Each structure stands twice: as C-alpha cells, then as structure tokens.
Amino acid sequence: MTKKQRTSIPSKRQIIREQRLKRQKQQRLLAILGVAIGAVVIAGLMIGPSLRAALAPVGEIKTITPVERPQADGTALGDADAPVLVEVWEDFQCPACTGYSQQVESLVVQNYVATGKARYVYHHYPFLDDRVATKESDQSANASMCAAEQGRFWDYHDIVFANWDGENRGAYSDKRLVAFAESIGLNMQEFKACFDVNRYKDQIEKDFADGQQAGVKGTPSVFVNGTIIKPGFVPSYADIAAAIDAALASQ
C-alpha cells in the first residue's frame, strides 16, 4: 500500500465525527419538520371552523312577510313615554327565545305596546357561542344592528328566528346572515359595510354587561319596570301580562 493510499483512508475518529454530524443534521431537520407540522395543525384548528363556514353553501332561506309594528325605533317598540317598560334580553341562537318571540312577544306587543300601555325594548345577550370558534350569536347580533341602521331591526329579528336550526350548527353563518339581509330587501352595500366592521360591537357588549348587572342568567329574560319575571324560566304571556297589569294598577 502506498503512502498516498494510506492517507486517503479515513480514521476511526473521523468516521465517528462524520456519523455524529450526520445524526445532528438529521435531528435538526426532524425538529424543523416537527415545528412546521405543529404550526400547520394549530393553524388548521384555529381557522378550520371559520374556513369550513366560509366554504359552506348558503342553503335554503325561509322567507318572511314583514309585520307592521307600533312605533318601531331601533330595537324598541311603542311610545317612549308609556307607563310600563318591558325589556327582554335574548340570544338569537337560543331555542327558547325562538318560541318566546313567535308565541309570547307578539301578544305583548299587540295587547300592551300597540295600545300605548307599555314600551318594549330588545337587548342583546349573545353567550351561546362563547366556547366555539364560529361566533353565530355575536354575528347575528351584529347583523341585526346593521339592519336596525336601516330601520329594519324587527324584520331582521323575524327572519333570523324563522331560520333557527340549532346552536352553533351554521344556521347563522356569515353567508346566511348576509343572505337574510338580502332576502328582506336591505341596501346590501350599506349592510355589508356595517357588518364587515362589526360597527355595533360596543353597543352589543354594553347590552350584555347591562344584562349581567340586572341579573340575567339565561335567555330569554324578561323585565317589567326593572323587575325580572320568573327568573330562570321562560315567562308565559300570562306571567308578563299579570306583571304589566300590576304595574299599571300601582300608578
């Protein structure tokens, strides 16, 4: 063996060093790959529900026939100087609110608000989406206030409840909320400009805070002249009528 051949053969120490460097390089690559995969998984968990909601079809929209309501003013109905104030805190996703709105509220409005005996005010209490990424309670409240900006809160209120289909299941995806607005004939350019920036976020949050301070624990919660009616339960029309009549009699 020549001297040149002897010097070209790597030593044992050199082989071990090269193997160590190779392992270190592989470990670095695996670490980088692990971080990249983790980032993708986290991003998927964060945007997955929103992305799925954005890609989901609008689906069927149940239309409504607008109902004439007495002295509608934003989220309020009736004479501002009426002797009795009825306030309700609701979440549009609340199943009990759907039934209350369609079966009880209409009678209160017909028999007490339209006759000048009471003023009726709706307050937002969005809480059923607190633990999910898709904010259907918050966004439906947001959309309803953008409809209120065009004097159509109560029509929007009706079409949202008419299309209720469970909690956090996509019934009030952003696409559908926009479709509701189009269905009742809102100015869509103005609606989207309002909806996209969540223009009434502060007002909705104030409604929620006011409800908590008043003692709202669930929805719907109905108050007559500041006193909650049947706390923890959905009040019937008879419950509310009795409270209004008592308030009128005490004046």
Protein backbone atom coordinates (compact mmCIF):
# COMPACT_ATOMS: atom_id res chain seq x y z
CA MET A 1 0.00 0.00 0.00
CA THR A 2 1.41 3.36 -0.96
CA LYS A 3 1.70 6.36 1.30
CA LYS A 4 -0.97 8.14 -0.75
CA GLN A 5 -3.41 5.24 -0.32
CA ARG A 6 -2.79 5.16 3.42
CA THR A 7 -3.57 8.86 3.86
CA SER A 8 -6.86 8.62 1.88
CA ILE A 9 -8.36 6.05 4.25
CA PRO A 10 -10.44 7.87 6.93
CA SER A 11 -9.52 7.24 10.52
CA LYS A 12 -11.91 5.73 13.02
CA ARG A 13 -12.17 9.09 14.79
CA GLN A 14 -13.05 10.82 11.54
CA ILE A 15 -15.75 8.24 10.76
CA ILE A 16 -17.30 8.71 14.21
CA ARG A 17 -17.22 12.51 13.79
CA GLU A 18 -18.93 12.32 10.40
CA GLN A 19 -21.57 9.97 11.74
CA ARG A 20 -22.21 12.36 14.66
CA LEU A 21 -22.54 15.34 12.32
CA LYS A 22 -24.91 13.36 10.11
CA ARG A 23 -27.09 12.46 13.09
CA GLN A 24 -27.13 16.07 14.29
CA LYS A 25 -28.16 17.25 10.84
CA GLN A 26 -30.97 14.68 10.72
CA GLN A 27 -32.14 15.70 14.20
CA ARG A 28 -32.20 19.38 13.17
CA LEU A 29 -34.22 18.55 10.06
CA LEU A 30 -36.67 16.45 12.09
CA ALA A 31 -37.04 19.27 14.64
CA ILE A 32 -37.71 21.82 11.90
CA LEU A 33 -40.19 19.45 10.29
CA GLY A 34 -41.93 18.88 13.63
CA VAL A 35 -42.28 22.61 14.25
CA ALA A 36 -43.67 23.12 10.75
CA ILE A 37 -46.21 20.30 11.15
CA GLY A 38 -47.23 21.65 14.57
CA ALA A 39 -47.76 25.12 13.13
CA VAL A 40 -49.93 23.72 10.35
CA VAL A 41 -52.01 21.70 12.83
CA ILE A 42 -52.50 24.70 15.13
CA ALA A 43 -53.42 26.94 12.21
CA GLY A 44 -55.88 24.33 11.00
CA LEU A 45 -57.51 24.12 14.41
CA MET A 46 -57.75 27.90 14.59
CA ILE A 47 -59.08 28.66 11.11
CA GLY A 48 -60.67 25.32 10.27
CA PRO A 49 -64.20 26.10 11.56
CA SER A 50 -64.15 29.58 10.02
CA LEU A 51 -62.87 28.24 6.72
CA ARG A 52 -65.48 25.50 6.65
CA ALA A 53 -68.17 28.07 7.41
CA ALA A 54 -66.91 30.31 4.60
CA LEU A 55 -66.94 27.46 2.11
CA ALA A 56 -70.30 26.04 3.19
CA PRO A 57 -73.27 26.68 0.89
CA VAL A 58 -75.86 29.23 1.97
CA GLY A 59 -78.64 26.64 1.87
CA GLU A 60 -82.36 27.26 1.92
CA ILE A 61 -83.56 30.55 3.41
CA LYS A 62 -87.03 30.69 4.92
CA THR A 63 -88.53 34.00 3.89
CA ILE A 64 -90.88 36.13 5.98
CA THR A 65 -93.69 38.57 5.41
CA PRO A 66 -92.79 41.79 7.25
CA VAL A 67 -95.17 42.61 10.10
CA GLU A 68 -96.20 46.16 10.94
CA ARG A 69 -95.13 47.01 14.48
CA PRO A 70 -96.13 50.03 16.58
CA GLN A 71 -93.69 52.94 16.65
CA ALA A 72 -90.62 50.88 15.83
CA ASP A 73 -87.44 52.72 16.81
CA GLY A 74 -84.25 50.69 16.52
CA THR A 75 -84.61 47.76 18.92
CA ALA A 76 -87.58 49.37 20.69
CA LEU A 77 -91.32 49.43 20.08
CA GLY A 78 -94.05 51.69 21.34
CA ASP A 79 -94.40 55.09 22.98
CA ALA A 80 -91.24 56.26 24.73
CA ASP A 81 -93.49 57.80 27.42
CA ALA A 82 -95.56 54.64 28.02
CA PRO A 83 -96.19 53.98 31.73
CA VAL A 84 -94.62 50.49 31.69
CA LEU A 85 -91.27 49.40 30.32
CA VAL A 86 -90.85 45.78 29.20
CA GLU A 87 -87.29 44.72 28.44
CA VAL A 88 -86.07 41.39 27.10
CA TRP A 89 -82.53 40.03 26.86
CA GLU A 90 -82.09 37.38 24.16
CA ASP A 91 -79.55 35.39 22.15
CA PHE A 92 -80.67 34.74 18.57
CA GLN A 93 -79.33 31.18 18.86
CA CYS A 94 -81.42 30.42 21.94
CA PRO A 95 -84.17 27.87 21.13
CA ALA A 96 -86.38 29.18 23.94
CA CYS A 97 -86.02 32.69 22.51
CA THR A 98 -87.35 31.46 19.18
CA GLY A 99 -90.52 30.13 20.80
CA TYR A 100 -90.87 33.19 23.03
CA SER A 101 -90.50 35.57 20.11
CA GLN A 102 -93.05 33.81 17.97
CA GLN A 103 -95.64 32.95 20.63
CA VAL A 104 -95.39 35.40 23.53
CA GLU A 105 -93.77 38.59 22.31
CA SER A 106 -96.32 39.15 19.56
CA LEU A 107 -99.19 39.08 22.09
CA VAL A 108 -97.41 41.51 24.42
CA VAL A 109 -96.87 43.90 21.52
CA GLN A 110 -100.44 43.54 20.28
CA ASN A 111 -102.18 43.94 23.64
CA TYR A 112 -99.93 46.32 25.55
CA VAL A 113 -97.47 48.09 23.23
CA ALA A 114 -99.89 48.91 20.40
CA THR A 115 -102.38 50.24 22.96
CA GLY A 116 -99.85 52.63 24.49
CA LYS A 117 -99.67 50.86 27.85
CA ALA A 118 -96.09 49.62 27.52
CA ARG A 119 -92.86 50.22 25.67
CA TYR A 120 -90.93 47.11 24.59
CA VAL A 121 -87.14 47.02 24.25
CA TYR A 122 -84.94 44.20 22.93
CA HIS A 123 -81.41 43.79 24.34
CA HIS A 124 -78.65 41.52 23.07
CA TYR A 125 -77.25 38.77 25.29
CA PRO A 126 -75.04 36.66 22.97
CA PHE A 127 -73.44 33.88 25.00
CA LEU A 128 -74.13 30.53 23.32
CA ASP A 129 -71.04 30.81 21.12
CA ASP A 130 -68.59 31.66 23.89
CA ARG A 131 -66.68 28.36 23.60
CA VAL A 132 -66.70 27.89 19.83
CA ALA A 133 -64.72 29.49 17.02
CA THR A 134 -67.74 30.32 14.85
CA LYS A 135 -69.41 33.27 16.55
CA GLU A 136 -73.00 32.84 15.40
CA SER A 137 -74.56 34.54 18.43
CA ASP A 138 -72.25 37.54 18.16
CA GLN A 139 -72.51 37.78 14.40
CA SER A 140 -76.31 37.52 14.30
CA ALA A 141 -76.48 40.34 16.86
CA ASN A 142 -74.03 42.31 14.72
CA ALA A 143 -76.15 41.73 11.60
CA SER A 144 -79.39 42.69 13.34
CA MET A 145 -77.92 46.04 14.38
CA CYS A 146 -76.83 46.71 10.82
CA ALA A 147 -80.44 46.06 9.81
CA ALA A 148 -81.53 48.43 12.60
CA GLU A 149 -79.33 51.07 10.98
CA GLN A 150 -81.73 50.89 8.01
CA GLY A 151 -84.82 50.89 10.26
CA ARG A 152 -85.39 47.15 9.79
CA PHE A 153 -84.30 45.55 13.07
CA TRP A 154 -87.62 43.84 13.70
CA ASP A 155 -87.87 42.37 10.20
CA TYR A 156 -84.34 41.04 10.57
CA HIS A 157 -85.20 39.74 14.06
CA ASP A 158 -88.09 37.81 12.48
CA ILE A 159 -86.09 36.25 9.64
CA VAL A 160 -83.27 35.20 11.97
CA PHE A 161 -85.65 33.40 14.30
CA ALA A 162 -87.54 31.91 11.36
CA ASN A 163 -84.30 30.28 10.20
CA TRP A 164 -83.16 28.93 13.59
CA ASP A 165 -81.78 25.40 13.27
CA GLY A 166 -79.87 24.60 16.44
CA GLU A 167 -76.95 26.10 18.27
CA ASN A 168 -73.60 26.60 16.54
CA ARG A 169 -74.55 24.47 13.55
CA GLY A 170 -74.13 27.05 10.79
CA ALA A 171 -77.69 28.40 10.63
CA TYR A 172 -76.25 31.86 11.28
CA SER A 173 -73.02 31.67 9.30
CA ASP A 174 -71.85 34.99 7.89
CA LYS A 175 -73.02 33.94 4.43
CA ARG A 176 -76.51 33.19 5.67
CA LEU A 177 -76.72 36.38 7.73
CA VAL A 178 -75.90 38.36 4.60
CA ALA A 179 -78.48 36.32 2.67
CA PHE A 180 -81.12 37.15 5.29
CA ALA A 181 -80.43 40.85 4.76
CA GLU A 182 -80.78 40.45 1.01
CA SER A 183 -84.00 38.46 1.46
CA ILE A 184 -85.74 41.32 3.27
CA GLY A 185 -84.52 43.89 0.76
CA LEU A 186 -81.87 45.81 2.68
CA ASN A 187 -79.38 48.05 0.92
CA MET A 188 -76.63 45.45 0.66
CA GLN A 189 -73.75 47.86 0.14
CA GLU A 190 -74.62 49.67 3.36
CA PHE A 191 -75.34 46.45 5.22
CA LYS A 192 -72.02 44.82 4.30
CA ALA A 193 -70.06 47.96 5.12
CA CYS A 194 -71.62 47.86 8.60
CA PHE A 195 -71.47 44.09 9.07
CA ASP A 196 -67.86 43.63 7.96
CA VAL A 197 -66.51 46.04 10.58
CA ASN A 198 -68.87 44.95 13.39
CA ARG A 199 -69.95 48.56 13.80
CA TYR A 200 -72.18 47.97 16.82
CA LYS A 201 -69.82 45.76 18.81
CA ASP A 202 -69.61 48.24 21.70
CA GLN A 203 -73.38 48.61 21.93
CA ILE A 204 -73.90 44.83 21.92
CA GLU A 205 -71.27 44.41 24.62
CA LYS A 206 -72.98 47.11 26.68
CA ASP A 207 -76.31 45.27 26.34
CA PHE A 208 -74.61 42.13 27.61
CA ALA A 209 -72.97 43.93 30.53
CA ASP A 210 -76.25 45.66 31.44
CA GLY A 211 -77.99 42.28 31.38
CA GLN A 212 -75.43 40.76 33.73
CA GLN A 213 -75.78 43.70 36.09
CA ALA A 214 -79.58 43.36 36.00
CA GLY A 215 -79.36 39.67 36.91
CA VAL A 216 -79.76 37.93 33.56
CA LYS A 217 -78.65 34.29 33.89
CA GLY A 218 -80.15 32.88 30.71
CA THR A 219 -82.34 33.79 27.77
CA PRO A 220 -84.96 34.96 27.28
CA SER A 221 -85.03 37.09 30.42
CA VAL A 222 -87.97 39.49 30.63
CA PHE A 223 -88.18 42.50 32.96
CA VAL A 224 -91.19 44.69 33.69
CA ASN A 225 -90.25 48.09 35.10
CA GLY A 226 -86.88 46.67 36.14
CA THR A 227 -88.15 43.51 37.84
CA ILE A 228 -87.34 40.15 36.29
CA ILE A 229 -90.33 37.90 35.57
CA LYS A 230 -89.88 34.25 36.60
CA PRO A 231 -86.07 34.22 36.84
CA GLY A 232 -84.60 31.01 35.47
CA PHE A 233 -87.73 30.20 33.47
CA VAL A 234 -89.28 31.36 30.20
CA PRO A 235 -92.23 33.55 31.22
CA SER A 236 -95.58 32.93 29.59
CA TYR A 237 -97.77 35.64 28.14
CA ALA A 238 -99.97 35.34 31.27
CA ASP A 239 -96.94 35.94 33.51
CA ILE A 240 -95.94 39.08 31.65
CA ALA A 241 -99.50 40.37 31.32
CA ALA A 242 -100.03 39.99 35.07
CA ALA A 243 -96.84 41.92 35.81
CA ILE A 244 -97.80 44.71 33.40
CA ASP A 245 -101.32 44.93 34.81
CA ALA A 246 -99.92 45.12 38.36
CA ALA A 247 -97.53 47.88 37.32
CA LEU A 248 -100.35 49.83 35.68
CA ALA A 249 -102.57 49.41 38.73
CA SER A 250 -99.89 50.71 41.08
CA GLN A 251 -99.59 54.03 39.26
